[in-house]
């Protein structure tokens, strides 16, 4: 085996990691880029980077945290890229193709989940990412701190402020629809 072959991860292990984290990475990346096709591309890039650099993983955090960090960095790189000058479509227009609609139906199977997602996308990325990582990806505050390279106290502050901002957006959204505000389980107080 030469150095080039040694730098790539075992194919079976890569498949196992892709099966385990692929769907959650897709959801996570979508929360940044708001486009399913782009999110799928970034997931592929994330796994390519993982395959090439798996030997650099030192075990200071969980594998999940390390892969999420790669995915978030790639998402942020995409958002900063000059190529990303395509106008952002409103949330309701994400149901364009059949494939996107099928994924959309899987992720948001009821009206309440759709409202929650819509409200999350109205938050700035710094609040949306910590709420997503904490509630949907179920990372601990320490893991979020490692993924985002911010202090644990900063994560706690962003979670607190993010919850408050989410609550304000959620109440406005529900009032606009003429419905009663429901308590969103495990999300807003």
Protein backbone atom coordinates (compact mmCIF):
# COMPACT_ATOMS: atom_id res chain seq x y z
CA UNK A 1 0.00 0.00 0.00
CA UNK A 2 1.45 3.38 -0.97
CA UNK A 3 1.03 6.71 0.88
CA UNK A 4 -1.80 7.77 -1.39
CA UNK A 5 -3.83 4.63 -0.61
CA UNK A 6 -3.08 4.94 3.11
CA UNK A 7 -4.54 8.44 3.21
CA UNK A 8 -8.02 7.21 2.24
CA UNK A 9 -10.40 5.58 4.69
CA UNK A 10 -11.50 1.95 4.39
CA UNK A 11 -14.47 1.76 2.00
CA UNK A 12 -16.66 -0.27 4.38
CA UNK A 13 -15.98 2.15 7.23
CA UNK A 14 -16.79 5.10 4.96
CA UNK A 15 -20.11 3.50 3.98
CA UNK A 16 -20.91 2.92 7.64
CA UNK A 17 -20.18 6.56 8.51
CA UNK A 18 -22.19 7.78 5.51
CA UNK A 19 -25.17 5.62 6.51
CA UNK A 20 -24.98 6.78 10.10
CA UNK A 21 -24.59 10.54 9.49
CA UNK A 22 -25.77 11.20 5.93
CA UNK A 23 -29.38 12.17 6.65
CA UNK A 24 -28.58 14.29 9.69
CA UNK A 25 -25.79 16.06 7.77
CA UNK A 26 -28.20 16.79 4.93
CA UNK A 27 -30.67 18.40 7.35
CA UNK A 28 -27.90 20.31 9.10
CA UNK A 29 -26.39 21.66 5.89
CA UNK A 30 -29.83 22.53 4.51
CA UNK A 31 -30.38 24.69 7.59
CA UNK A 32 -27.43 26.78 6.39
CA UNK A 33 -27.78 26.87 2.61
CA UNK A 34 -31.58 26.51 2.28
CA UNK A 35 -31.29 24.51 -0.94
CA UNK A 36 -31.54 20.71 -1.15
CA UNK A 37 -29.32 20.28 -4.20
CA UNK A 38 -26.58 22.43 -2.72
CA UNK A 39 -26.93 20.63 0.62
CA UNK A 40 -26.52 17.26 -1.12
CA UNK A 41 -23.38 18.53 -2.87
CA UNK A 42 -21.92 19.76 0.41
CA UNK A 43 -22.70 16.43 2.10
CA UNK A 44 -20.69 14.71 -0.65
CA UNK A 45 -17.84 17.19 -0.19
CA UNK A 46 -17.96 16.56 3.56
CA UNK A 47 -17.57 12.81 3.09
CA UNK A 48 -14.79 13.29 0.54
CA UNK A 49 -12.93 15.46 3.05
CA UNK A 50 -13.58 12.88 5.76
CA UNK A 51 -12.23 10.11 3.52
CA UNK A 52 -9.11 12.10 2.73
CA UNK A 53 -8.41 13.39 6.23
CA UNK A 54 -9.75 10.70 8.55
CA UNK A 55 -6.23 10.01 9.75
CA UNK A 56 -6.11 13.56 11.17
CA UNK A 57 -8.98 12.80 13.57
CA UNK A 58 -7.32 12.71 16.98
CA UNK A 59 -10.32 11.67 19.05
CA UNK A 60 -10.44 14.89 21.10
CA UNK A 61 -14.15 15.00 20.32
CA UNK A 62 -16.65 12.48 19.01
CA UNK A 63 -16.55 11.47 15.36
CA UNK A 64 -20.01 13.01 14.97
CA UNK A 65 -18.76 16.36 16.25
CA UNK A 66 -15.74 16.26 13.94
CA UNK A 67 -17.83 15.45 10.85
CA UNK A 68 -20.38 18.14 11.77
CA UNK A 69 -17.55 20.63 12.07
CA UNK A 70 -16.37 19.75 8.56
CA UNK A 71 -19.94 20.09 7.24
CA UNK A 72 -20.55 23.43 8.96
CA UNK A 73 -17.25 24.83 7.71
CA UNK A 74 -18.07 23.73 4.16
CA UNK A 75 -21.54 25.29 4.47
CA UNK A 76 -20.10 28.56 5.70
CA UNK A 77 -17.47 28.50 2.93
CA UNK A 78 -20.28 28.08 0.41
CA UNK A 79 -22.23 30.99 1.88
CA UNK A 80 -19.14 33.24 1.74
CA UNK A 81 -18.26 32.15 -1.79
CA UNK A 82 -18.62 34.70 -4.62
CA UNK A 83 -20.32 31.94 -6.63
CA UNK A 84 -23.15 32.05 -4.12
CA UNK A 85 -24.83 35.10 -5.58
CA UNK A 86 -27.98 33.25 -6.57
CA UNK A 87 -30.96 34.98 -5.05
CA UNK A 88 -32.43 33.13 -2.11
CA UNK A 89 -35.93 31.82 -2.77
CA UNK A 90 -38.60 32.24 -0.15
CA UNK A 91 -39.05 29.18 2.07
CA UNK A 92 -42.36 28.23 0.44
CA UNK A 93 -40.71 27.80 -2.96
CA UNK A 94 -38.51 24.90 -1.83
CA UNK A 95 -41.17 22.44 -2.93
CA UNK A 96 -40.21 22.66 -6.60
CA UNK A 97 -39.10 19.23 -7.78
CA UNK A 98 -40.53 15.86 -6.92
CA UNK A 99 -37.30 14.82 -5.22
CA UNK A 100 -37.27 17.94 -3.05
CA UNK A 101 -40.92 17.48 -2.22
CA UNK A 102 -40.30 13.91 -1.06
CA UNK A 103 -37.47 15.02 1.22
CA UNK A 104 -39.56 17.95 2.40
CA UNK A 105 -42.43 15.63 3.27
CA UNK A 106 -40.10 13.39 5.26
CA UNK A 107 -38.58 16.26 7.23
CA UNK A 108 -41.75 18.23 7.87
CA UNK A 109 -44.60 15.83 8.08
CA UNK A 110 -47.10 18.18 9.62
CA UNK A 111 -48.13 21.81 9.58
CA UNK A 112 -46.60 22.63 12.96
CA UNK A 113 -43.19 21.31 11.95
CA UNK A 114 -43.37 23.45 8.83
CA UNK A 115 -44.09 26.57 10.86
CA UNK A 116 -41.22 25.77 13.22
CA UNK A 117 -38.82 25.33 10.30
CA UNK A 118 -40.04 28.53 8.68
CA UNK A 119 -39.48 30.42 11.91
CA UNK A 120 -36.00 28.93 12.34
CA UNK A 121 -35.02 30.13 8.88
CA UNK A 122 -35.98 33.66 9.84
CA UNK A 123 -33.32 33.68 12.56
CA UNK A 124 -29.76 34.74 11.87
CA UNK A 125 -27.32 31.90 11.29
CA UNK A 126 -25.59 32.26 14.68
CA UNK A 127 -28.84 31.50 16.50
CA UNK A 128 -30.22 29.04 13.98
CA UNK A 129 -27.08 26.89 14.06
CA UNK A 130 -26.96 26.49 17.85
CA UNK A 131 -30.70 25.76 18.06
CA UNK A 132 -30.40 23.22 15.25
CA UNK A 133 -27.35 21.52 16.74
CA UNK A 134 -28.85 21.43 20.23
CA UNK A 135 -32.44 20.40 19.49
CA UNK A 136 -32.29 18.51 16.20
CA UNK A 137 -28.80 17.05 16.24
CA UNK A 138 -28.88 16.61 20.03
CA UNK A 139 -25.31 17.75 20.57
CA UNK A 140 -24.25 18.80 24.04
CA UNK A 141 -23.19 22.36 24.78
CA UNK A 142 -19.58 21.17 24.92
CA UNK A 143 -19.90 19.45 21.52
CA UNK A 144 -21.49 22.57 19.99
CA UNK A 145 -18.65 24.61 21.43
CA UNK A 146 -16.14 22.31 19.71
CA UNK A 147 -18.02 22.25 16.40
CA UNK A 148 -18.41 26.03 16.20
CA UNK A 149 -15.10 26.90 17.87
CA UNK A 150 -16.77 29.16 20.43
CA UNK A 151 -16.81 29.03 24.22
CA UNK A 152 -19.42 27.04 26.11
CA UNK A 153 -20.71 30.24 27.71
CA UNK A 154 -21.15 31.72 24.22
CA UNK A 155 -23.13 28.63 23.20
CA UNK A 156 -25.36 29.04 26.27
CA UNK A 157 -25.88 32.73 25.49
CA UNK A 158 -26.75 32.00 21.87
CA UNK A 159 -29.14 29.24 22.93
CA UNK A 160 -30.90 31.56 25.36
CA UNK A 161 -31.12 34.47 22.92
CA UNK A 162 -31.99 32.14 20.06
CA UNK A 163 -34.88 30.66 22.02
CA UNK A 164 -36.17 34.14 22.80
CA UNK A 165 -35.88 35.31 19.19
CA UNK A 166 -37.47 32.09 17.96
CA UNK A 167 -40.36 32.56 20.35
CA UNK A 168 -40.96 36.11 19.05
CA UNK A 169 -40.89 34.97 15.41
CA UNK A 170 -43.07 31.95 16.17
CA UNK A 171 -45.74 34.01 17.94
CA UNK A 172 -45.87 36.49 15.03
CA UNK A 173 -46.09 33.68 12.47
CA UNK A 174 -48.89 31.89 14.28
CA UNK A 175 -50.80 35.14 14.89
CA UNK A 176 -50.47 35.96 11.19
CA UNK A 177 -52.16 32.64 10.36
CA UNK A 178 -54.94 33.42 12.84
CA UNK A 179 -54.22 30.38 14.99
CA UNK A 180 -53.57 29.96 18.67
CA UNK A 181 -50.00 29.74 19.87
CA UNK A 182 -49.11 26.19 20.89
CA UNK A 183 -46.34 25.30 23.25
CA UNK A 184 -43.63 23.87 21.02
CA UNK A 185 -42.47 20.78 22.86
CA UNK A 186 -38.86 21.11 24.06
CA UNK A 187 -38.30 24.26 22.07
CA UNK A 188 -39.84 27.40 23.48
CA UNK A 189 -40.96 28.06 27.01
